[in-house]
Amino acid sequence: MNKRLFRVTGKEAMFLGICGGLGKYFDLDPTLIRVAVALITFFSFGTLIIAYFILAMIIPKEGTV
């Protein structure tokens, strides 16, 4: 099986679809990933936000490739 990382679209995407895509890729609940991202962003004083937007530019949307 060939796993690919995509940003999800539609109802699964809350903001840019990164956490939903990571949830599908790692077979985890996207809510857990969203909570982890929120906590890491809070404790790193927002530096994860830069990485989040970089990922949004690099990772393709679901169904585009």
N, C-alpha and C. Protein backbone atom coordinates (compact mmCIF):
# COMPACT_ATOMS: atom_id res chain seq x y z
N MET A 1 0.84 -1.18 0.00
CA MET A 1 0.00 0.00 0.00
C MET A 1 0.89 1.24 0.00
N ASN A 2 0.57 2.17 -0.85
CA ASN A 2 1.35 3.38 -0.99
C ASN A 2 0.64 4.52 -0.25
N LYS A 3 1.15 4.87 0.92
CA LYS A 3 0.55 5.96 1.70
C LYS A 3 1.12 7.29 1.23
N ARG A 4 0.23 8.27 1.09
CA ARG A 4 0.65 9.62 0.71
C ARG A 4 0.04 10.60 1.69
N LEU A 5 0.76 11.65 1.98
CA LEU A 5 0.30 12.69 2.88
C LEU A 5 -0.38 13.78 2.07
N PHE A 6 -1.63 14.07 2.40
CA PHE A 6 -2.41 15.11 1.74
C PHE A 6 -3.07 15.98 2.78
N ARG A 7 -3.40 17.22 2.38
CA ARG A 7 -4.27 18.06 3.20
C ARG A 7 -5.70 17.66 2.86
N VAL A 8 -6.52 17.46 3.86
CA VAL A 8 -7.91 17.07 3.61
C VAL A 8 -8.73 18.30 3.25
N THR A 9 -9.85 18.05 2.59
CA THR A 9 -10.76 19.13 2.20
C THR A 9 -12.15 18.79 2.69
N GLY A 10 -13.04 19.74 2.60
CA GLY A 10 -14.43 19.52 2.98
C GLY A 10 -14.65 19.59 4.47
N LYS A 11 -15.54 18.74 4.96
CA LYS A 11 -15.93 18.76 6.38
C LYS A 11 -14.82 18.30 7.31
N GLU A 12 -13.88 17.53 6.80
CA GLU A 12 -12.79 17.02 7.64
C GLU A 12 -11.76 18.10 7.95
N ALA A 13 -11.70 19.15 7.14
CA ALA A 13 -10.70 20.20 7.31
C ALA A 13 -11.26 21.31 8.19
N MET A 14 -10.55 21.67 9.24
CA MET A 14 -10.96 22.79 10.05
C MET A 14 -10.22 24.06 9.61
N PHE A 15 -8.90 23.97 9.51
CA PHE A 15 -8.10 25.12 9.08
C PHE A 15 -6.96 24.59 8.22
N LEU A 16 -7.08 24.74 6.94
CA LEU A 16 -6.09 24.33 5.95
C LEU A 16 -5.95 22.82 5.79
N GLY A 17 -6.53 22.00 6.63
CA GLY A 17 -6.55 20.55 6.44
C GLY A 17 -5.31 19.80 6.84
N ILE A 18 -4.36 20.45 7.51
CA ILE A 18 -3.11 19.80 7.86
C ILE A 18 -3.34 18.71 8.91
N CYS A 19 -4.01 19.03 9.98
CA CYS A 19 -4.21 18.05 11.07
C CYS A 19 -5.08 16.88 10.61
N GLY A 20 -6.08 17.15 9.78
CA GLY A 20 -6.89 16.07 9.25
C GLY A 20 -6.10 15.14 8.35
N GLY A 21 -5.22 15.71 7.55
CA GLY A 21 -4.35 14.91 6.68
C GLY A 21 -3.37 14.07 7.48
N LEU A 22 -2.80 14.66 8.53
CA LEU A 22 -1.89 13.90 9.39
C LEU A 22 -2.64 12.78 10.11
N GLY A 23 -3.88 13.05 10.49
CA GLY A 23 -4.70 12.02 11.13
C GLY A 23 -4.95 10.84 10.22
N LYS A 24 -5.25 11.12 8.96
CA LYS A 24 -5.46 10.04 8.00
C LYS A 24 -4.16 9.27 7.73
N TYR A 25 -3.07 9.99 7.60
CA TYR A 25 -1.79 9.36 7.29
C TYR A 25 -1.32 8.44 8.41
N PHE A 26 -1.44 8.89 9.65
CA PHE A 26 -0.98 8.10 10.79
C PHE A 26 -2.10 7.27 11.42
N ASP A 27 -3.29 7.29 10.82
CA ASP A 27 -4.45 6.53 11.30
C ASP A 27 -4.77 6.88 12.76
N LEU A 28 -4.83 8.18 13.02
CA LEU A 28 -5.18 8.70 14.34
C LEU A 28 -6.37 9.63 14.21
N ASP A 29 -7.00 9.90 15.34
CA ASP A 29 -8.10 10.85 15.37
C ASP A 29 -7.53 12.26 15.16
N PRO A 30 -8.02 13.00 14.18
CA PRO A 30 -7.49 14.34 13.94
C PRO A 30 -7.67 15.28 15.13
N THR A 31 -8.64 15.02 15.97
CA THR A 31 -8.83 15.86 17.15
C THR A 31 -7.64 15.78 18.09
N LEU A 32 -7.06 14.59 18.23
CA LEU A 32 -5.87 14.44 19.07
C LEU A 32 -4.70 15.25 18.49
N ILE A 33 -4.57 15.24 17.20
CA ILE A 33 -3.50 16.00 16.56
C ILE A 33 -3.75 17.49 16.72
N ARG A 34 -5.00 17.92 16.59
CA ARG A 34 -5.34 19.34 16.76
C ARG A 34 -5.03 19.82 18.17
N VAL A 35 -5.36 18.99 19.16
CA VAL A 35 -5.07 19.35 20.55
C VAL A 35 -3.56 19.43 20.78
N ALA A 36 -2.83 18.47 20.22
CA ALA A 36 -1.37 18.48 20.36
C ALA A 36 -0.77 19.71 19.69
N VAL A 37 -1.26 20.07 18.52
CA VAL A 37 -0.76 21.26 17.82
C VAL A 37 -1.07 22.52 18.63
N ALA A 38 -2.26 22.60 19.19
CA ALA A 38 -2.62 23.76 19.99
C ALA A 38 -1.73 23.88 21.22
N LEU A 39 -1.49 22.77 21.90
CA LEU A 39 -0.63 22.80 23.09
C LEU A 39 0.81 23.15 22.75
N ILE A 40 1.33 22.55 21.70
CA ILE A 40 2.71 22.85 21.30
C ILE A 40 2.83 24.31 20.87
N THR A 41 1.84 24.82 20.17
CA THR A 41 1.86 26.22 19.75
C THR A 41 1.85 27.14 20.97
N PHE A 42 1.03 26.81 21.95
CA PHE A 42 0.95 27.62 23.17
C PHE A 42 2.27 27.62 23.93
N PHE A 43 2.84 26.44 24.12
CA PHE A 43 4.05 26.33 24.91
C PHE A 43 5.32 26.76 24.16
N SER A 44 5.24 26.84 22.84
CA SER A 44 6.40 27.30 22.07
C SER A 44 6.22 28.77 21.67
N PHE A 45 5.27 29.43 22.28
CA PHE A 45 5.01 30.85 22.05
C PHE A 45 4.73 31.17 20.59
N GLY A 46 4.04 30.23 19.92
CA GLY A 46 3.56 30.47 18.56
C GLY A 46 4.51 30.14 17.44
N THR A 47 5.67 29.58 17.74
CA THR A 47 6.61 29.29 16.66
C THR A 47 6.13 28.16 15.75
N LEU A 48 5.26 27.30 16.24
CA LEU A 48 4.73 26.22 15.40
C LEU A 48 3.83 26.77 14.29
N ILE A 49 3.31 27.96 14.46
CA ILE A 49 2.44 28.55 13.44
C ILE A 49 3.20 28.71 12.12
N ILE A 50 4.45 29.07 12.20
CA ILE A 50 5.27 29.23 10.99
C ILE A 50 5.41 27.88 10.27
N ALA A 51 5.70 26.83 11.03
CA ALA A 51 5.83 25.50 10.44
C ALA A 51 4.50 25.03 9.86
N TYR A 52 3.40 25.37 10.51
CA TYR A 52 2.07 24.98 10.04
C TYR A 52 1.79 25.59 8.66
N PHE A 53 2.10 26.86 8.49
CA PHE A 53 1.86 27.51 7.20
C PHE A 53 2.83 27.00 6.13
N ILE A 54 4.04 26.66 6.51
CA ILE A 54 4.97 26.06 5.55
C ILE A 54 4.45 24.70 5.09
N LEU A 55 3.94 23.91 6.02
CA LEU A 55 3.35 22.62 5.65
C LEU A 55 2.16 22.82 4.72
N ALA A 56 1.36 23.85 4.97
CA ALA A 56 0.19 24.12 4.11
C ALA A 56 0.62 24.46 2.69
N MET A 57 1.79 25.05 2.53
CA MET A 57 2.27 25.38 1.19
C MET A 57 2.90 24.17 0.50
N ILE A 58 3.47 23.25 1.28
CA ILE A 58 4.20 22.12 0.71
C ILE A 58 3.29 20.92 0.43
N ILE A 59 2.41 20.59 1.37
CA ILE A 59 1.57 19.40 1.25
C ILE A 59 0.42 19.67 0.27
N PRO A 60 0.24 18.84 -0.74
CA PRO A 60 -0.84 19.05 -1.71
C PRO A 60 -2.21 18.71 -1.11
N LYS A 61 -3.24 19.30 -1.71
CA LYS A 61 -4.61 18.99 -1.31
C LYS A 61 -4.99 17.58 -1.75
N GLU A 62 -5.89 17.00 -1.04
CA GLU A 62 -6.37 15.65 -1.36
C GLU A 62 -7.03 15.65 -2.73
N GLY A 63 -6.62 14.70 -3.56
CA GLY A 63 -7.23 14.57 -4.88
C GLY A 63 -6.58 15.39 -5.97
N THR A 64 -5.50 16.12 -5.66
CA THR A 64 -4.86 16.94 -6.69
C THR A 64 -3.70 16.22 -7.38
N VAL A 65 -3.15 15.20 -6.75
CA VAL A 65 -2.01 14.49 -7.36
C VAL A 65 -2.42 13.07 -7.66
